[in-house]
Amino acid sequence: MAKHEKMFLKNYESKASKYLNDKEKASNLLKKAMKKADKKTIGDAWENLQLLFHIFGDWTSGKYRAIPVKSILMIIGGILYFVSPIDAITDFIPVAGLLDDATIIGLVFRQVSSDLTLYKEWKQKDFLQE
């Protein structure tokens, strides 16, 4: 990951704290991100992005809170980066902007992978109990 991308992500992580205790704001961010996500244009990052959406949605609703605040801040920061039309490489440059978003989503995914593994295990147990 390039130095400028780390800097931009750090900036978005600091903005993410505004979403921690504001359920409506968090819900609106998630809706905006889901609307922007397009399987055809983000390719391999699609599944990672969907998992980040799910954990953020379950965290926002209060269904799942077994994740460190630092990890949820990184997830929110990655989603903020994804929805922002102006990030390290603007989304107005079609292919390059989406590749940049996919790179950031991949970074977030790798940084919180152990938390995502625990979430998937919880989700599986929750599904089986229903």
Protein backbone atom coordinates (compact mmCIF):
# COMPACT_ATOMS: atom_id res chain seq x y z
CA MET A 1 0.00 0.00 0.00
CA ALA A 2 1.29 3.41 -0.95
CA LYS A 3 2.08 5.96 1.73
CA HIS A 4 -0.60 8.37 0.49
CA GLU A 5 -3.28 5.66 0.69
CA LYS A 6 -2.35 4.93 4.32
CA MET A 7 -2.57 8.65 5.05
CA PHE A 8 -6.00 8.94 3.44
CA LEU A 9 -7.28 5.85 5.27
CA LYS A 10 -6.01 7.23 8.60
CA ASN A 11 -7.92 10.43 7.84
CA TYR A 12 -11.11 8.45 7.19
CA GLU A 13 -10.62 6.44 10.37
CA SER A 14 -10.61 9.67 12.36
CA LYS A 15 -13.87 10.69 10.67
CA ALA A 16 -15.33 7.26 11.50
CA SER A 17 -15.68 8.06 15.20
CA LYS A 18 -18.66 10.30 14.32
CA TYR A 19 -20.55 7.15 13.31
CA LEU A 20 -19.90 5.12 16.46
CA ASN A 21 -22.75 6.52 18.53
CA ASP A 22 -25.04 7.81 15.81
CA LYS A 23 -27.19 4.92 14.60
CA GLU A 24 -29.00 7.00 11.98
CA LYS A 25 -25.78 8.38 10.52
CA ALA A 26 -24.24 4.88 10.47
CA SER A 27 -27.33 3.44 8.80
CA ASN A 28 -27.29 6.15 6.12
CA LEU A 29 -23.60 5.49 5.44
CA LEU A 30 -24.28 1.80 5.02
CA LYS A 31 -27.16 2.47 2.60
CA LYS A 32 -24.98 4.83 0.56
CA ALA A 33 -22.16 2.28 0.40
CA MET A 34 -24.48 -0.56 -0.60
CA LYS A 35 -25.94 1.61 -3.34
CA LYS A 36 -22.46 2.40 -4.71
CA ALA A 37 -21.22 -1.20 -4.55
CA ASP A 38 -21.45 -2.86 -7.93
CA LYS A 39 -20.25 -6.44 -8.26
CA LYS A 40 -19.32 -5.96 -11.90
CA THR A 41 -17.02 -3.00 -11.27
CA ILE A 42 -15.29 -4.00 -8.04
CA GLY A 43 -14.76 -7.65 -8.93
CA ASP A 44 -12.79 -9.62 -6.36
CA ALA A 45 -13.32 -7.00 -3.65
CA TRP A 46 -17.10 -7.65 -3.78
CA GLU A 47 -17.18 -10.45 -1.19
CA ASN A 48 -14.85 -8.61 1.18
CA LEU A 49 -16.94 -5.48 0.88
CA GLN A 50 -20.17 -7.39 1.54
CA LEU A 51 -18.67 -8.90 4.69
CA LEU A 52 -17.62 -5.44 5.90
CA PHE A 53 -21.16 -4.19 5.21
CA HIS A 54 -22.67 -7.08 7.17
CA ILE A 55 -20.47 -6.69 10.23
CA PHE A 56 -21.01 -2.92 10.23
CA GLY A 57 -24.77 -3.41 9.89
CA ASP A 58 -24.89 -5.97 12.71
CA TRP A 59 -22.70 -3.73 14.87
CA THR A 60 -24.90 -0.69 14.17
CA SER A 61 -28.07 -2.61 15.04
CA GLY A 62 -26.46 -3.86 18.25
CA LYS A 63 -26.72 -7.51 17.23
CA TYR A 64 -22.94 -7.97 17.20
CA ARG A 65 -20.59 -6.03 19.47
CA ALA A 66 -17.78 -8.56 19.97
CA ILE A 67 -15.30 -6.53 17.96
CA PRO A 68 -12.67 -4.07 19.19
CA VAL A 69 -13.55 -0.41 18.68
CA LYS A 70 -10.31 0.07 16.72
CA SER A 71 -11.44 -2.60 14.24
CA ILE A 72 -14.92 -1.16 13.78
CA LEU A 73 -13.36 2.29 13.30
CA MET A 74 -11.13 0.85 10.57
CA ILE A 75 -14.16 -0.79 8.91
CA ILE A 76 -16.16 2.44 9.04
CA GLY A 77 -13.12 4.35 7.75
CA GLY A 78 -12.81 1.93 4.83
CA ILE A 79 -16.50 2.30 4.01
CA LEU A 80 -16.21 6.10 4.21
CA TYR A 81 -13.25 5.91 1.86
CA PHE A 82 -15.25 3.69 -0.49
CA VAL A 83 -18.24 6.06 -0.68
CA SER A 84 -16.14 9.21 -1.00
CA PRO A 85 -15.94 10.38 -4.61
CA ILE A 86 -12.67 12.14 -3.79
CA ASP A 87 -10.08 9.84 -2.23
CA ALA A 88 -6.47 9.08 -3.14
CA ILE A 89 -7.52 8.47 -6.74
CA THR A 90 -10.85 10.06 -7.51
CA ASP A 91 -13.73 7.80 -8.55
CA PHE A 92 -14.37 10.15 -11.46
CA ILE A 93 -11.48 8.32 -13.16
CA PRO A 94 -13.52 5.13 -13.67
CA VAL A 95 -11.13 2.18 -13.52
CA ALA A 96 -8.34 3.76 -11.46
CA GLY A 97 -10.72 5.12 -8.83
CA LEU A 98 -12.40 1.75 -8.29
CA LEU A 99 -9.05 -0.04 -8.13
CA ASP A 100 -8.02 2.41 -5.46
CA ASP A 101 -11.20 1.64 -3.51
CA ALA A 102 -10.58 -2.09 -3.89
CA THR A 103 -7.04 -1.64 -2.57
CA ILE A 104 -8.31 0.15 0.54
CA ILE A 105 -11.04 -2.45 1.11
CA GLY A 106 -8.38 -5.16 0.81
CA LEU A 107 -6.18 -3.37 3.34
CA VAL A 108 -9.05 -3.02 5.82
CA PHE A 109 -10.00 -6.64 5.29
CA ARG A 110 -6.46 -7.80 6.03
CA GLN A 111 -6.14 -5.55 9.09
CA VAL A 112 -9.32 -6.89 10.72
CA SER A 113 -9.24 -10.43 9.33
CA SER A 114 -9.15 -12.15 12.74
CA ASP A 115 -12.19 -10.11 13.84
CA LEU A 116 -13.97 -11.03 10.62
CA THR A 117 -13.23 -14.72 11.21
CA LEU A 118 -14.83 -14.48 14.66
CA TYR A 119 -17.78 -12.61 13.15
CA LYS A 120 -18.32 -15.29 10.49
CA GLU A 121 -18.28 -17.98 13.19
CA TRP A 122 -20.82 -16.00 15.23
CA LYS A 123 -22.97 -15.44 12.14
CA GLN A 124 -22.95 -19.17 11.37
CA LYS A 125 -23.98 -20.04 14.94
CA ASP A 126 -26.66 -17.34 14.88
CA PHE A 127 -28.00 -18.70 11.59
CA LEU A 128 -28.10 -22.27 12.90
CA GLN A 129 -29.99 -21.20 16.04
CA GLU A 130 -32.79 -19.55 14.04
